[in-house]
Amino acid sequence: MMIWSHFFNKESIGYVAVPYWGIQTKIQLITAERLCQYLSQTFAYTRNRQKLEFLNFNDLMTGIHNRRGFYHFFAIQVEKRLNTKGYMILHSIDMDGLKYINDTFGHKEGDFAIKTLAQGLLAAGNDTLIAARFGGDEFVAVEFIEEGEVKSGTQFREKLLEYLGRINQTSGKEYKIGCSIGSHSTEFPPLMNVDQIIAVADELMYSEKSHKKRSSPRL
């Protein structure tokens, strides 16, 4: 048995095994080697393409979508639902006290807080949720609700804050991870474009954050 390894960025990604009785001449050996080289190049190309596609639509730190990914997948979902009835809820989320966490405990802890909030978005939404990090500590998430299904922005808020509460209780960190949330619901298909809907949710979120700042200067 002759075995050739396939590597991608020094990582072994597989093997090709050829029995000795399948190689009877030097020409057959050369052909087998060339086939393995071709397979390695194909695997490397596929891995590179998958990585580039991921980076194109996803935030490297959190793993959820980036701004481009949000608009891309939002457009796909809208296209799928053009002839259906229902509604959508868009949430604007901004972390509370990230500067305090970074300045007091270091940027590594700030990164932990950002990633925790991102995972909280996924835990709080339904199966149609599109969650994205728009930059820094700013996030946007949208849920598509089928006709007859009952769901509100309050449910998303409660699940997200419950998730963060569990992390705060068990993480052993000296700080609490919190956020301000603004949610706007609209029938489907929406009469406003997505940027207008985000602007409405942003206004609600900033209103909540402004209220919090009056009682806590760390925000």
N, C-alpha and C. Protein backbone atom coordinates (compact mmCIF):
# COMPACT_ATOMS: atom_id res chain seq x y z
N MET A 1 0.85 -1.19 0.00
CA MET A 1 0.00 0.00 0.00
C MET A 1 0.88 1.24 0.00
N MET A 2 0.61 2.18 -0.92
CA MET A 2 1.32 3.45 -0.96
C MET A 2 0.36 4.55 -0.51
N ILE A 3 0.85 5.43 0.39
CA ILE A 3 -0.01 6.45 0.99
C ILE A 3 0.60 7.82 0.75
N TRP A 4 -0.23 8.76 0.27
CA TRP A 4 0.18 10.15 0.11
C TRP A 4 -0.68 11.02 1.01
N SER A 5 -0.03 11.94 1.69
CA SER A 5 -0.74 12.86 2.57
C SER A 5 -1.09 14.14 1.82
N HIS A 6 -2.23 14.73 2.22
CA HIS A 6 -2.65 16.02 1.66
C HIS A 6 -2.58 17.06 2.77
N PHE A 7 -1.93 18.18 2.47
CA PHE A 7 -1.77 19.23 3.46
C PHE A 7 -2.35 20.55 2.96
N PHE A 8 -2.88 21.34 3.90
CA PHE A 8 -3.34 22.70 3.61
C PHE A 8 -2.83 23.60 4.73
N ASN A 9 -1.97 24.54 4.39
CA ASN A 9 -1.35 25.41 5.41
C ASN A 9 -0.72 24.58 6.53
N LYS A 10 0.04 23.56 6.13
CA LYS A 10 0.76 22.67 7.05
C LYS A 10 -0.17 21.80 7.88
N GLU A 11 -1.46 21.80 7.56
CA GLU A 11 -2.43 20.96 8.28
C GLU A 11 -2.81 19.79 7.39
N SER A 12 -2.70 18.59 7.94
CA SER A 12 -3.08 17.40 7.19
C SER A 12 -4.60 17.36 7.03
N ILE A 13 -5.06 17.27 5.78
CA ILE A 13 -6.50 17.26 5.52
C ILE A 13 -6.98 15.95 4.91
N GLY A 14 -6.07 14.98 4.78
CA GLY A 14 -6.52 13.69 4.26
C GLY A 14 -5.38 12.89 3.65
N TYR A 15 -5.73 11.68 3.23
CA TYR A 15 -4.74 10.77 2.66
C TYR A 15 -5.35 10.07 1.44
N VAL A 16 -4.46 9.66 0.56
CA VAL A 16 -4.86 8.79 -0.55
C VAL A 16 -4.01 7.53 -0.47
N ALA A 17 -4.66 6.40 -0.46
CA ALA A 17 -3.96 5.12 -0.37
C ALA A 17 -4.19 4.33 -1.66
N VAL A 18 -3.10 3.83 -2.24
CA VAL A 18 -3.18 3.04 -3.47
C VAL A 18 -2.49 1.70 -3.23
N PRO A 19 -3.19 0.59 -3.48
CA PRO A 19 -2.56 -0.72 -3.26
C PRO A 19 -1.41 -0.96 -4.24
N TYR A 20 -0.40 -1.70 -3.79
CA TYR A 20 0.75 -1.96 -4.64
C TYR A 20 0.35 -2.62 -5.96
N TRP A 21 -0.65 -3.50 -5.89
CA TRP A 21 -1.00 -4.21 -7.12
C TRP A 21 -1.70 -3.30 -8.14
N GLY A 22 -2.03 -2.08 -7.69
CA GLY A 22 -2.60 -1.13 -8.64
C GLY A 22 -1.53 -0.33 -9.37
N ILE A 23 -0.27 -0.47 -8.94
CA ILE A 23 0.83 0.26 -9.57
C ILE A 23 1.85 -0.78 -10.04
N GLN A 24 1.86 -1.04 -11.32
CA GLN A 24 2.72 -2.08 -11.86
C GLN A 24 3.89 -1.51 -12.66
N THR A 25 3.80 -0.23 -13.02
CA THR A 25 4.88 0.37 -13.81
C THR A 25 5.24 1.73 -13.23
N LYS A 26 6.39 2.26 -13.63
CA LYS A 26 6.83 3.57 -13.19
C LYS A 26 5.88 4.65 -13.66
N ILE A 27 5.32 4.47 -14.87
CA ILE A 27 4.37 5.44 -15.41
C ILE A 27 3.11 5.51 -14.55
N GLN A 28 2.65 4.36 -14.09
CA GLN A 28 1.47 4.34 -13.22
C GLN A 28 1.77 5.02 -11.89
N LEU A 29 3.00 4.88 -11.39
CA LEU A 29 3.39 5.53 -10.15
C LEU A 29 3.38 7.06 -10.32
N ILE A 30 3.96 7.51 -11.44
CA ILE A 30 4.00 8.95 -11.71
C ILE A 30 2.58 9.50 -11.85
N THR A 31 1.71 8.73 -12.52
CA THR A 31 0.31 9.15 -12.70
C THR A 31 -0.39 9.27 -11.35
N ALA A 32 -0.15 8.31 -10.47
CA ALA A 32 -0.76 8.34 -9.14
C ALA A 32 -0.27 9.54 -8.35
N GLU A 33 1.03 9.83 -8.43
CA GLU A 33 1.59 10.99 -7.72
C GLU A 33 0.99 12.29 -8.23
N ARG A 34 0.84 12.39 -9.56
CA ARG A 34 0.27 13.60 -10.14
C ARG A 34 -1.20 13.76 -9.74
N LEU A 35 -1.90 12.62 -9.67
CA LEU A 35 -3.29 12.67 -9.24
C LEU A 35 -3.38 13.20 -7.81
N CYS A 36 -2.47 12.75 -6.95
CA CYS A 36 -2.47 13.20 -5.56
C CYS A 36 -2.15 14.69 -5.47
N GLN A 37 -1.22 15.17 -6.29
CA GLN A 37 -0.89 16.59 -6.32
C GLN A 37 -2.10 17.42 -6.75
N TYR A 38 -2.81 16.91 -7.76
CA TYR A 38 -4.02 17.60 -8.24
C TYR A 38 -5.08 17.66 -7.14
N LEU A 39 -5.25 16.55 -6.44
CA LEU A 39 -6.23 16.52 -5.36
C LEU A 39 -5.86 17.49 -4.25
N SER A 40 -4.56 17.56 -3.91
CA SER A 40 -4.11 18.49 -2.88
C SER A 40 -4.41 19.93 -3.27
N GLN A 41 -4.14 20.28 -4.53
CA GLN A 41 -4.40 21.63 -5.01
C GLN A 41 -5.90 21.94 -4.98
N THR A 42 -6.71 20.93 -5.35
CA THR A 42 -8.16 21.12 -5.34
C THR A 42 -8.68 21.33 -3.92
N PHE A 43 -8.18 20.51 -2.97
CA PHE A 43 -8.59 20.67 -1.58
C PHE A 43 -8.17 22.04 -1.05
N ALA A 44 -6.94 22.46 -1.38
CA ALA A 44 -6.45 23.76 -0.91
C ALA A 44 -7.30 24.90 -1.48
N TYR A 45 -7.66 24.81 -2.75
CA TYR A 45 -8.49 25.84 -3.38
C TYR A 45 -9.85 25.91 -2.70
N THR A 46 -10.44 24.73 -2.43
CA THR A 46 -11.76 24.68 -1.79
C THR A 46 -11.70 25.26 -0.40
N ARG A 47 -10.67 24.93 0.37
CA ARG A 47 -10.53 25.47 1.72
C ARG A 47 -10.35 26.98 1.69
N ASN A 48 -9.52 27.47 0.76
CA ASN A 48 -9.30 28.91 0.64
C ASN A 48 -10.59 29.65 0.28
N ARG A 49 -11.35 29.06 -0.62
CA ARG A 49 -12.60 29.69 -1.04
C ARG A 49 -13.59 29.73 0.10
N GLN A 50 -13.70 28.64 0.85
CA GLN A 50 -14.61 28.61 2.00
C GLN A 50 -14.20 29.65 3.04
N LYS A 51 -12.89 29.78 3.27
CA LYS A 51 -12.40 30.74 4.25
C LYS A 51 -12.70 32.17 3.81
N LEU A 52 -12.49 32.46 2.52
CA LEU A 52 -12.75 33.81 2.01
C LEU A 52 -14.24 34.14 2.07
N GLU A 53 -15.10 33.16 1.75
CA GLU A 53 -16.54 33.37 1.82
C GLU A 53 -16.97 33.65 3.25
N PHE A 54 -16.38 32.92 4.20
CA PHE A 54 -16.71 33.15 5.61
C PHE A 54 -16.31 34.56 6.03
N LEU A 55 -15.08 34.96 5.69
CA LEU A 55 -14.60 36.28 6.08
C LEU A 55 -15.36 37.39 5.38
N ASN A 56 -15.90 37.11 4.20
CA ASN A 56 -16.64 38.12 3.45
C ASN A 56 -17.95 38.47 4.14
N PHE A 57 -18.57 37.50 4.79
CA PHE A 57 -19.89 37.71 5.36
C PHE A 57 -19.95 37.60 6.88
N ASN A 58 -18.84 37.28 7.52
CA ASN A 58 -18.87 37.05 8.96
C ASN A 58 -17.80 37.86 9.69
N ASP A 59 -18.11 38.19 10.92
CA ASP A 59 -17.19 38.90 11.79
C ASP A 59 -16.19 37.91 12.37
N LEU A 60 -14.91 38.19 12.22
CA LEU A 60 -13.88 37.23 12.60
C LEU A 60 -13.88 36.98 14.11
N MET A 61 -14.12 38.00 14.92
CA MET A 61 -14.06 37.83 16.37
C MET A 61 -15.23 37.01 16.90
N THR A 62 -16.42 37.33 16.49
CA THR A 62 -17.61 36.72 17.09
C THR A 62 -18.16 35.53 16.32
N GLY A 63 -17.86 35.45 15.02
CA GLY A 63 -18.39 34.37 14.20
C GLY A 63 -19.77 34.63 13.62
N ILE A 64 -20.48 35.66 14.12
CA ILE A 64 -21.77 36.00 13.54
C ILE A 64 -21.52 36.88 12.30
N HIS A 65 -22.58 37.26 11.61
CA HIS A 65 -22.41 38.04 10.38
C HIS A 65 -21.79 39.40 10.66
N ASN A 66 -21.11 39.94 9.65
CA ASN A 66 -20.69 41.33 9.68
C ASN A 66 -21.76 42.17 8.97
N ARG A 67 -21.50 43.45 8.77
CA ARG A 67 -22.49 44.32 8.15
C ARG A 67 -22.86 43.83 6.75
N ARG A 68 -21.85 43.47 5.98
CA ARG A 68 -22.11 42.99 4.62
C ARG A 68 -22.94 41.72 4.65
N GLY A 69 -22.59 40.81 5.56
CA GLY A 69 -23.35 39.57 5.67
C GLY A 69 -24.80 39.81 6.05
N PHE A 70 -25.03 40.78 6.92
CA PHE A 70 -26.40 41.08 7.33
C PHE A 70 -27.24 41.50 6.12
N TYR A 71 -26.75 42.46 5.36
CA TYR A 71 -27.51 42.94 4.21
C TYR A 71 -27.70 41.84 3.16
N HIS A 72 -26.67 41.02 3.00
CA HIS A 72 -26.75 39.93 2.01
C HIS A 72 -27.84 38.93 2.37
N PHE A 73 -27.80 38.43 3.60
CA PHE A 73 -28.76 37.40 4.00
C PHE A 73 -30.14 37.98 4.28
N PHE A 74 -30.20 39.25 4.66
CA PHE A 74 -31.50 39.91 4.80
C PHE A 74 -32.20 39.97 3.46
N ALA A 75 -31.46 40.34 2.41
CA ALA A 75 -32.05 40.42 1.07
C ALA A 75 -32.56 39.05 0.60
N ILE A 76 -31.82 38.01 0.94
CA ILE A 76 -32.24 36.65 0.56
C ILE A 76 -33.56 36.29 1.25
N GLN A 77 -33.66 36.58 2.54
CA GLN A 77 -34.88 36.26 3.28
C GLN A 77 -36.08 37.07 2.79
N VAL A 78 -35.83 38.34 2.46
CA VAL A 78 -36.92 39.17 1.92
C VAL A 78 -37.41 38.61 0.60
N GLU A 79 -36.50 38.20 -0.25
CA GLU A 79 -36.86 37.64 -1.55
C GLU A 79 -37.70 36.38 -1.38
N LYS A 80 -37.35 35.55 -0.40
CA LYS A 80 -38.08 34.30 -0.16
C LYS A 80 -39.49 34.56 0.35
N ARG A 81 -39.71 35.71 0.98
CA ARG A 81 -40.98 35.97 1.65
C ARG A 81 -41.84 37.03 0.94
N LEU A 82 -41.52 37.34 -0.30
CA LEU A 82 -42.25 38.40 -1.00
C LEU A 82 -43.74 38.10 -1.14
N ASN A 83 -44.09 36.84 -1.26
CA ASN A 83 -45.49 36.46 -1.47
C ASN A 83 -46.11 35.81 -0.23
N THR A 84 -45.52 36.06 0.92
CA THR A 84 -46.05 35.50 2.16
C THR A 84 -46.48 36.62 3.10
N LYS A 85 -47.29 36.24 4.08
CA LYS A 85 -47.74 37.20 5.08
C LYS A 85 -47.05 36.92 6.41
N GLY A 86 -46.87 37.96 7.17
CA GLY A 86 -46.21 37.83 8.46
C GLY A 86 -45.65 39.18 8.85
N TYR A 87 -44.65 39.16 9.69
CA TYR A 87 -44.01 40.42 10.07
C TYR A 87 -42.58 40.13 10.48
N MET A 88 -41.84 41.18 10.69
CA MET A 88 -40.45 41.04 11.11
C MET A 88 -40.18 41.98 12.27
N ILE A 89 -39.25 41.59 13.12
CA ILE A 89 -38.85 42.42 14.25
C ILE A 89 -37.35 42.66 14.13
N LEU A 90 -36.98 43.91 14.06
CA LEU A 90 -35.56 44.26 13.98
C LEU A 90 -35.10 44.84 15.31
N HIS A 91 -33.97 44.35 15.79
CA HIS A 91 -33.42 44.76 17.08
C HIS A 91 -32.09 45.47 16.88
N SER A 92 -31.95 46.61 17.49
CA SER A 92 -30.67 47.31 17.55
C SER A 92 -30.11 47.14 18.96
N ILE A 93 -28.91 46.62 19.05
CA ILE A 93 -28.33 46.29 20.36
C ILE A 93 -26.97 46.97 20.50
N ASP A 94 -26.74 47.61 21.63
CA ASP A 94 -25.47 48.27 21.90
C ASP A 94 -25.01 47.87 23.30
N MET A 95 -23.77 47.41 23.40
CA MET A 95 -23.27 46.98 24.70
C MET A 95 -23.15 48.15 25.67
N ASP A 96 -23.44 47.89 26.91
CA ASP A 96 -23.28 48.90 27.96
C ASP A 96 -21.90 48.75 28.60
N GLY A 97 -21.19 49.87 28.74
CA GLY A 97 -19.96 49.89 29.53
C GLY A 97 -18.76 49.20 28.92
N LEU A 98 -18.68 49.09 27.60
CA LEU A 98 -17.52 48.43 27.00
C LEU A 98 -16.24 49.22 27.28
N LYS A 99 -16.32 50.54 27.21
CA LYS A 99 -15.12 51.36 27.47
C LYS A 99 -14.62 51.12 28.90
N TYR A 100 -15.53 51.03 29.83
CA TYR A 100 -15.16 50.78 31.23
C TYR A 100 -14.46 49.42 31.35
N ILE A 101 -15.00 48.41 30.67
CA ILE A 101 -14.39 47.08 30.72
C ILE A 101 -13.00 47.11 30.11
N ASN A 102 -12.86 47.73 28.95
CA ASN A 102 -11.55 47.81 28.29
C ASN A 102 -10.54 48.58 29.14
N ASP A 103 -10.96 49.71 29.66
CA ASP A 103 -10.03 50.58 30.41
C ASP A 103 -9.64 49.98 31.76
N THR A 104 -10.56 49.25 32.36
CA THR A 104 -10.32 48.74 33.72
C THR A 104 -9.72 47.33 33.73
N PHE A 105 -10.19 46.49 32.83
CA PHE A 105 -9.79 45.08 32.86
C PHE A 105 -8.98 44.64 31.63
N GLY A 106 -8.87 45.51 30.63
CA GLY A 106 -8.09 45.18 29.45
C GLY A 106 -8.95 44.77 28.27
N HIS A 107 -8.38 44.90 27.07
CA HIS A 107 -9.13 44.62 25.85
C HIS A 107 -9.47 43.14 25.67
N LYS A 108 -8.69 42.27 26.29
CA LYS A 108 -9.03 40.84 26.23
C LYS A 108 -10.39 40.59 26.87
N GLU A 109 -10.63 41.25 27.99
CA GLU A 109 -11.93 41.11 28.65
C GLU A 109 -13.02 41.78 27.83
N GLY A 110 -12.66 42.91 27.19
CA GLY A 110 -13.63 43.56 26.30
C GLY A 110 -14.03 42.65 25.16
N ASP A 111 -13.06 41.92 24.62
CA ASP A 111 -13.36 40.98 23.54
C ASP A 111 -14.27 39.85 24.04
N PHE A 112 -14.01 39.39 25.26
CA PHE A 112 -14.85 38.35 25.85
C PHE A 112 -16.29 38.85 25.98
N ALA A 113 -16.45 40.08 26.41
CA ALA A 113 -17.79 40.65 26.58
C ALA A 113 -18.51 40.76 25.23
N ILE A 114 -17.80 41.19 24.20
CA ILE A 114 -18.39 41.32 22.87
C ILE A 114 -18.83 39.95 22.34
N LYS A 115 -17.95 38.95 22.50
CA LYS A 115 -18.29 37.61 22.01
C LYS A 115 -19.46 37.01 22.79
N THR A 116 -19.52 37.31 24.08
CA THR A 116 -20.62 36.81 24.91
C THR A 116 -21.95 37.42 24.45
N LEU A 117 -21.95 38.71 24.17
CA LEU A 117 -23.17 39.36 23.70
C LEU A 117 -23.60 38.79 22.36
N ALA A 118 -22.64 38.53 21.47
CA ALA A 118 -22.96 37.95 20.17
C ALA A 118 -23.64 36.59 20.32
N GLN A 119 -23.11 35.76 21.22
CA GLN A 119 -23.72 34.45 21.45
C GLN A 119 -25.10 34.60 22.08
N GLY A 120 -25.26 35.64 22.89
CA GLY A 120 -26.57 35.89 23.48
C GLY A 120 -27.62 36.21 22.44
N LEU A 121 -27.23 36.92 21.40
CA LEU A 121 -28.18 37.24 20.32
C LEU A 121 -28.68 35.95 19.67
N LEU A 122 -27.77 35.04 19.41
CA LEU A 122 -28.16 33.78 18.77
C LEU A 122 -29.08 32.97 19.69
N ALA A 123 -28.82 33.03 20.99
CA ALA A 123 -29.63 32.27 21.95
C ALA A 123 -31.03 32.87 22.11
N ALA A 124 -31.14 34.17 21.87
CA ALA A 124 -32.42 34.86 22.12
C ALA A 124 -33.37 34.82 20.92
N GLY A 125 -32.83 34.62 19.72
CA GLY A 125 -33.67 34.70 18.52
C GLY A 125 -34.30 33.38 18.12
N ASN A 126 -35.16 33.44 17.11
CA ASN A 126 -35.78 32.22 16.60
C ASN A 126 -34.93 31.65 15.47
N ASP A 127 -35.47 30.63 14.77
CA ASP A 127 -34.70 29.93 13.75
C ASP A 127 -34.40 30.81 12.53
N THR A 128 -35.14 31.89 12.35
CA THR A 128 -34.93 32.75 11.20
C THR A 128 -33.98 33.91 11.50
N LEU A 129 -33.46 33.96 12.71
CA LEU A 129 -32.68 35.11 13.15
C LEU A 129 -31.46 35.35 12.26
N ILE A 130 -31.26 36.61 11.89
CA ILE A 130 -30.02 37.06 11.25
C ILE A 130 -29.39 38.05 12.22
N ALA A 131 -28.24 37.69 12.78
CA ALA A 131 -27.56 38.55 13.76
C ALA A 131 -26.24 39.01 13.18
N ALA A 132 -25.90 40.26 13.42
CA ALA A 132 -24.67 40.80 12.86
C ALA A 132 -24.02 41.80 13.80
N ARG A 133 -22.71 41.82 13.75
CA ARG A 133 -21.95 42.85 14.45
C ARG A 133 -21.66 43.95 13.43
N PHE A 134 -22.21 45.13 13.66
CA PHE A 134 -22.03 46.22 12.72
C PHE A 134 -20.71 46.95 12.95
N GLY A 135 -20.08 46.72 14.08
CA GLY A 135 -18.81 47.36 14.38
C GLY A 135 -18.71 47.68 15.85
N GLY A 136 -17.51 47.50 16.43
CA GLY A 136 -17.33 47.82 17.83
C GLY A 136 -18.28 47.03 18.71
N ASP A 137 -19.10 47.75 19.46
CA ASP A 137 -20.07 47.09 20.34
C ASP A 137 -21.50 47.27 19.84
N GLU A 138 -21.65 47.49 18.53
CA GLU A 138 -22.96 47.70 17.92
C GLU A 138 -23.40 46.45 17.16
N PHE A 139 -24.63 46.01 17.45
CA PHE A 139 -25.17 44.81 16.82
C PHE A 139 -26.57 45.07 16.27
N VAL A 140 -26.92 44.31 15.25
CA VAL A 140 -28.27 44.34 14.70
C VAL A 140 -28.74 42.90 14.52
N ALA A 141 -29.99 42.65 14.85
CA ALA A 141 -30.57 41.32 14.65
C ALA A 141 -31.99 41.47 14.14
N VAL A 142 -32.41 40.56 13.28
CA VAL A 142 -33.77 40.61 12.75
C VAL A 142 -34.37 39.21 12.78
N GLU A 143 -35.64 39.13 13.16
CA GLU A 143 -36.38 37.87 13.17
C GLU A 143 -37.56 37.99 12.22
N PHE A 144 -37.81 36.94 11.45
CA PHE A 144 -38.96 36.90 10.56
C PHE A 144 -40.03 36.01 11.19
N ILE A 145 -41.21 36.55 11.31
CA ILE A 145 -42.30 35.86 12.01
C ILE A 145 -43.39 35.48 11.01
N GLU A 146 -43.75 34.21 11.01
CA GLU A 146 -44.80 33.73 10.10
C GLU A 146 -46.17 34.20 10.57
N GLU A 147 -47.10 34.28 9.63
CA GLU A 147 -48.47 34.67 9.97
C GLU A 147 -49.06 33.69 10.97
N GLY A 148 -49.64 34.22 12.02
CA GLY A 148 -50.23 33.38 13.06
C GLY A 148 -49.29 33.07 14.20
N GLU A 149 -47.99 33.26 14.00
CA GLU A 149 -47.02 33.03 15.06
C GLU A 149 -46.95 34.28 15.95
N VAL A 150 -46.93 34.08 17.24
CA VAL A 150 -46.92 35.20 18.18
C VAL A 150 -45.52 35.35 18.76
N LYS A 151 -44.93 36.52 18.55
CA LYS A 151 -43.63 36.83 19.12
C LYS A 151 -43.48 38.34 19.15
N SER A 152 -42.78 38.84 20.14
CA SER A 152 -42.60 40.28 20.26
C SER A 152 -41.15 40.60 20.59
N GLY A 153 -40.80 41.87 20.44
CA GLY A 153 -39.46 42.30 20.79
C GLY A 153 -39.18 42.09 22.26
N THR A 154 -40.23 42.10 23.08
CA THR A 154 -40.06 41.89 24.52
C THR A 154 -39.51 40.50 24.80
N GLN A 155 -39.96 39.49 24.04
CA GLN A 155 -39.47 38.13 24.24
C GLN A 155 -37.98 38.03 23.94
N PHE A 156 -37.56 38.68 22.85
CA PHE A 156 -36.13 38.70 22.50
C PHE A 156 -35.33 39.35 23.62
N ARG A 157 -35.81 40.48 24.09
CA ARG A 157 -35.13 41.20 25.16
C ARG A 157 -34.99 40.32 26.41
N GLU A 158 -36.08 39.68 26.81
CA GLU A 158 -36.05 38.87 28.01
C GLU A 158 -35.07 37.71 27.89
N LYS A 159 -35.05 37.05 26.74
CA LYS A 159 -34.16 35.92 26.55
C LYS A 159 -32.70 36.37 26.52
N LEU A 160 -32.44 37.51 25.88
CA LEU A 160 -31.07 38.01 25.81
C LEU A 160 -30.56 38.40 27.19
N LEU A 161 -31.36 39.14 27.93
CA LEU A 161 -30.94 39.56 29.27
C LEU A 161 -30.83 38.38 30.22
N GLU A 162 -31.68 37.38 30.03
CA GLU A 162 -31.58 36.16 30.85
C GLU A 162 -30.27 35.44 30.55
N TYR A 163 -29.90 35.36 29.28
CA TYR A 163 -28.66 34.72 28.88
C TYR A 163 -27.46 35.44 29.50
N LEU A 164 -27.44 36.77 29.37
CA LEU A 164 -26.34 37.56 29.94
C LEU A 164 -26.30 37.43 31.46
N GLY A 165 -27.47 37.37 32.07
CA GLY A 165 -27.53 37.20 33.52
C GLY A 165 -26.89 35.91 33.97
N ARG A 166 -27.13 34.82 33.24
CA ARG A 166 -26.51 33.53 33.59
C ARG A 166 -24.99 33.60 33.46
N ILE A 167 -24.52 34.25 32.40
CA ILE A 167 -23.07 34.39 32.21
C ILE A 167 -22.47 35.22 33.34
N ASN A 168 -23.14 36.31 33.69
CA ASN A 168 -22.64 37.18 34.76
C ASN A 168 -22.55 36.45 36.10
N GLN A 169 -23.46 35.52 36.32
CA GLN A 169 -23.47 34.79 37.59
C GLN A 169 -22.40 33.70 37.64
N THR A 170 -22.04 33.16 36.49
CA THR A 170 -21.16 31.99 36.49
C THR A 170 -19.75 32.25 35.97
N SER A 171 -19.51 33.41 35.35
CA SER A 171 -18.22 33.64 34.70
C SER A 171 -17.10 33.98 35.69
N GLY A 172 -17.46 34.48 36.85
CA GLY A 172 -16.44 34.88 37.82
C GLY A 172 -15.76 36.19 37.48
N LYS A 173 -16.30 36.92 36.50
CA LYS A 173 -15.72 38.20 36.11
C LYS A 173 -16.07 39.28 37.14
N GLU A 174 -15.23 40.31 37.18
CA GLU A 174 -15.44 41.41 38.11
C GLU A 174 -16.36 42.47 37.54
N TYR A 175 -16.89 42.25 36.39
CA TYR A 175 -17.78 43.21 35.73
C TYR A 175 -19.02 42.47 35.23
N LYS A 176 -20.04 43.24 34.91
CA LYS A 176 -21.27 42.69 34.38
C LYS A 176 -21.41 43.06 32.90
N ILE A 177 -21.87 42.12 32.11
CA ILE A 177 -22.11 42.37 30.69
C ILE A 177 -23.57 42.73 30.52
N GLY A 178 -23.82 43.91 29.97
CA GLY A 178 -25.19 44.36 29.75
C GLY A 178 -25.32 45.03 28.40
N CYS A 179 -26.53 45.39 28.03
CA CYS A 179 -26.74 46.02 26.74
C CYS A 179 -28.03 46.83 26.76
N SER A 180 -28.12 47.74 25.82
CA SER A 180 -29.35 48.50 25.58
C SER A 180 -29.94 48.00 24.27
N ILE A 181 -31.27 47.90 24.22
CA ILE A 181 -31.94 47.27 23.09
C ILE A 181 -33.08 48.16 22.60
N GLY A 182 -33.17 48.29 21.29
CA GLY A 182 -34.32 48.94 20.67
C GLY A 182 -34.91 48.01 19.64
N SER A 183 -36.21 47.75 19.70
CA SER A 183 -36.85 46.79 18.79
C SER A 183 -37.99 47.46 18.05
N HIS A 184 -38.07 47.18 16.75
CA HIS A 184 -39.15 47.74 15.93
C HIS A 184 -39.77 46.63 15.10
N SER A 185 -41.08 46.51 15.18
CA SER A 185 -41.82 45.48 14.45
C SER A 185 -42.55 46.10 13.27
N THR A 186 -42.56 45.42 12.15
CA THR A 186 -43.25 45.91 10.97
C THR A 186 -43.83 44.73 10.19
N GLU A 187 -44.96 44.97 9.54
CA GLU A 187 -45.58 43.91 8.75
C GLU A 187 -44.70 43.58 7.54
N PHE A 188 -44.94 42.40 7.02
CA PHE A 188 -44.13 41.96 5.89
C PHE A 188 -45.00 41.83 4.63
N PRO A 189 -44.51 42.30 3.48
CA PRO A 189 -43.21 42.94 3.26
C PRO A 189 -43.20 44.36 3.83
N PRO A 190 -42.05 44.80 4.34
CA PRO A 190 -41.98 46.11 5.00
C PRO A 190 -42.16 47.26 4.02
N LEU A 191 -42.80 48.32 4.50
CA LEU A 191 -42.99 49.51 3.66
C LEU A 191 -41.71 50.36 3.64
N MET A 192 -40.90 50.28 4.70
CA MET A 192 -39.64 51.02 4.75
C MET A 192 -38.49 50.10 4.32
N ASN A 193 -37.40 50.71 3.85
CA ASN A 193 -36.24 49.88 3.57
C ASN A 193 -35.52 49.55 4.88
N VAL A 194 -34.58 48.62 4.80
CA VAL A 194 -33.96 48.11 6.01
C VAL A 194 -33.21 49.19 6.78
N ASP A 195 -32.58 50.13 6.10
CA ASP A 195 -31.86 51.19 6.80
C ASP A 195 -32.80 52.10 7.58
N GLN A 196 -33.99 52.33 7.04
CA GLN A 196 -34.98 53.13 7.75
C GLN A 196 -35.47 52.40 8.99
N ILE A 197 -35.63 51.08 8.87
CA ILE A 197 -36.08 50.28 10.02
C ILE A 197 -34.99 50.26 11.09
N ILE A 198 -33.74 50.13 10.67
CA ILE A 198 -32.63 50.16 11.62
C ILE A 198 -32.59 51.50 12.34
N ALA A 199 -32.85 52.59 11.61
CA ALA A 199 -32.83 53.94 12.21
C ALA A 199 -33.88 54.07 13.31
N VAL A 200 -35.06 53.49 13.08
CA VAL A 200 -36.12 53.53 14.10
C VAL A 200 -35.70 52.75 15.34
N ALA A 201 -35.16 51.54 15.11
CA ALA A 201 -34.71 50.71 16.24
C ALA A 201 -33.54 51.38 16.97
N ASP A 202 -32.66 52.01 16.21
CA ASP A 202 -31.53 52.73 16.82
C ASP A 202 -32.01 53.82 17.77
N GLU A 203 -33.01 54.56 17.32
CA GLU A 203 -33.54 55.65 18.15
C GLU A 203 -34.08 55.12 19.47
N LEU A 204 -34.77 54.00 19.42
CA LEU A 204 -35.31 53.39 20.63
C LEU A 204 -34.18 52.89 21.54
N MET A 205 -33.15 52.33 20.91
CA MET A 205 -32.02 51.82 21.69
C MET A 205 -31.27 52.96 22.37
N TYR A 206 -31.02 54.05 21.63
CA TYR A 206 -30.29 55.19 22.20
C TYR A 206 -31.10 55.88 23.29
N SER A 207 -32.40 55.84 23.16
CA SER A 207 -33.25 56.40 24.19
C SER A 207 -33.09 55.62 25.50
N GLU A 208 -33.05 54.30 25.39
CA GLU A 208 -32.84 53.47 26.58
C GLU A 208 -31.45 53.69 27.15
N LYS A 209 -30.44 53.78 26.31
CA LYS A 209 -29.07 54.00 26.78
C LYS A 209 -28.94 55.35 27.46
N SER A 210 -29.59 56.37 26.89
CA SER A 210 -29.54 57.70 27.49
C SER A 210 -30.15 57.70 28.88
N HIS A 211 -31.24 56.96 29.03
CA HIS A 211 -31.88 56.84 30.34
C HIS A 211 -30.95 56.18 31.34
N LYS A 212 -30.23 55.14 30.91
CA LYS A 212 -29.30 54.44 31.79
C LYS A 212 -28.14 55.33 32.18
N LYS A 213 -27.65 56.13 31.26
CA LYS A 213 -26.48 56.99 31.53
C LYS A 213 -26.74 58.01 32.62
N ARG A 214 -27.98 58.39 32.75
CA ARG A 214 -28.30 59.38 33.78
C ARG A 214 -28.11 58.80 35.18
N SER A 215 -28.13 57.47 35.26
CA SER A 215 -27.97 56.83 36.58
C SER A 215 -26.64 56.11 36.73
N SER A 216 -25.90 55.91 35.59
CA SER A 216 -24.62 55.24 35.66
C SER A 216 -23.63 55.87 34.69
N PRO A 217 -22.63 56.61 35.17
CA PRO A 217 -21.67 57.28 34.29
C PRO A 217 -20.78 56.33 33.52
N ARG A 218 -20.71 55.06 33.92
CA ARG A 218 -19.86 54.10 33.22
C ARG A 218 -20.37 53.74 31.83
N LEU A 219 -21.64 54.04 31.53
CA LEU A 219 -22.22 53.68 30.26
C LEU A 219 -21.94 54.75 29.20
